Amino acid sequence: MRKILLYTGLLMLSANVIGQETKALNDTVIKENKEIIESVKNTEGPVFKHSLGDLNIKLDESGERYLKFGLNSQVWLRSTENNPGTLVNGVEQKYTYDAGLRRMRVTMQAQLSPAYQIYVQLGINNQSFIAGGGSGTGANGQGKKPAIFFMDAYNELAIIPQKDFKTKQENNFNIYLGAGLHGFNGISRMSNASTGKILMADLPIFNYPNIENSDQFARQLGVFVRGEYDKFNYRFAINKPFATNLQPNIGQTVDNNQSGKLSYSGYVMYNFFDKESGSTAFLPGFYLGTKKVINIGAGFYSSKDGALSQSEEGLFKSHDHSVLSADFFVDLPIGSKSKEMAINVYSVFYRYNFGPNYLRNLGIMNPGILDVNYTGTVAMEGVGNGRNLLGTGNLWFTQAGFLLPKFSETVKLQPFAAYTLKDLEGLNEMGSYFDVGANLFVLSQSAKISYQYSSRPLYDPADRKQFDRKGEHILMFQLSF
């Protein structure tokens, strides 16, 4: 009997040990399987991110002191229908096919203390096979070796910071004071656009009233204040415009600020829903529905004696530069959350007054020069891809985009369209400008391929009315972070 009890006890002990070992083995297998499944999930492939992040170097453990670097690269492939009378590299061309570096920029933001920062942006713009560089033939020939220059270089001090230095609590009112070469332009949202996040392939450019005349690529030297009060975002600046000294022909008004007056600008917007950051001068053109944004804004620009006219032989008169604007911006998610759709609308009205009949033409990376032997009508806009950019009068611009329902984990598609109406004093007929295209975002909001077709009217210098239209196709490859 004792032997039977002993054998029974040993058998039960063995079964218990084996059971524990089996349970431990099963737990190990389950754990390993979970790890394998998680690993597979993590290696399924890339997914769409709303930001590529920043290149950040922390200067202390808290992260309040840092160096932040950024890059914006925009490369264009283009087909341009040239205006009448265009020569390209000495040869008549109705159509020009080219490639170019529209923007190539590096930024650095140095937060040296919670109260003090330095912002620098440098790079090049508008380099093509024939424009943006040197001249002639050779190592420094046409289009080659454009000069790198500073687009922004300013210092900024927190007077009342966004977050209290001690309590780390948000301040309902904050104010920052800065000075240097800056882009706190006032006027409108689009006059403060982030070129790394524009809806279309390019900005309409008339959002910068002094572009490359009395500013340096939409920047002037001076002082600015910016900040927030509750749901208001504001920025104001007093600047010294870059010197201009053009001399007008009879009946013409041109940029001439030889009297040396200052310029004054400002822009205020109200955030109905999500608040936007104003930590730099630049406001994005889209959020792809990641924010719920509806804003209205208004702004101005003013500089006394910024223009000069000659009404008759020897009779000159100075005129003030003045711009007023009002705008509206929407970026909202719509529909089912799983479809990740969004709408984007921006509309702005400008009232320009730069003196009687002031008119300015511009062509981005213009490939052409005038054929002096051309006998047909040469447009008021000039040759190449020139257009009537801006002038004394009214300009209304509206753009809209729609983010299509989600169809991929890595890409998003956003068709867009824009319309501009220009009612300018120097022309005898209003002009309509059309743009249509789409953005293909690849892995991130910051990486996209954009196609855009633009149609522009041409004006006859004899009667200052439209006599033709020309178009331009742009394919842009962009990466920014």
Foldseek 3Di string as FASTA:
>chain_A
DVVVVVVVVVVVVVVVVVVVVVVVVVVVVVVVVVVVVVVCVVVVDFFFDADPDWDWDAPDPVSQWIKTKKWKWKKKWKKWQKFPQWDFPNHDDRIDTWIWTAWTKMKMWTRHHNFKIWIWMKDAHQQIPADQWADDDDQRHGRPDHDIDIQDTKMKGWPADQADPPPRHGDLWTKMKMFFWAQLAAFDQLSLADQLAAFASDDLPVSQVQAPAQHDRNTFGFMKMWIHHRQKTKMKTKGFTHAHCDDDDAPAKDFGQPVRWIKIKMKMKGWPFDHDDPPGSHDHQASLAPGWTKMKMKMKMKTFQGMWHHNDVPDIDGGIWIKIKIKIWGWHFDDDVQQSKIKIKIKMKMATDRDALHWDKDDRSFRTAGNPPDDDFAFPQGIGRIATRDAHGMKMKMKMKMWGTDDDRFKTKIWMKMKMWTDHNNAPDIWIKIKTWMWIAGSYSSWIKIKMKIKTFTAGPVRRHTDDIIMMIMIMTIGMD
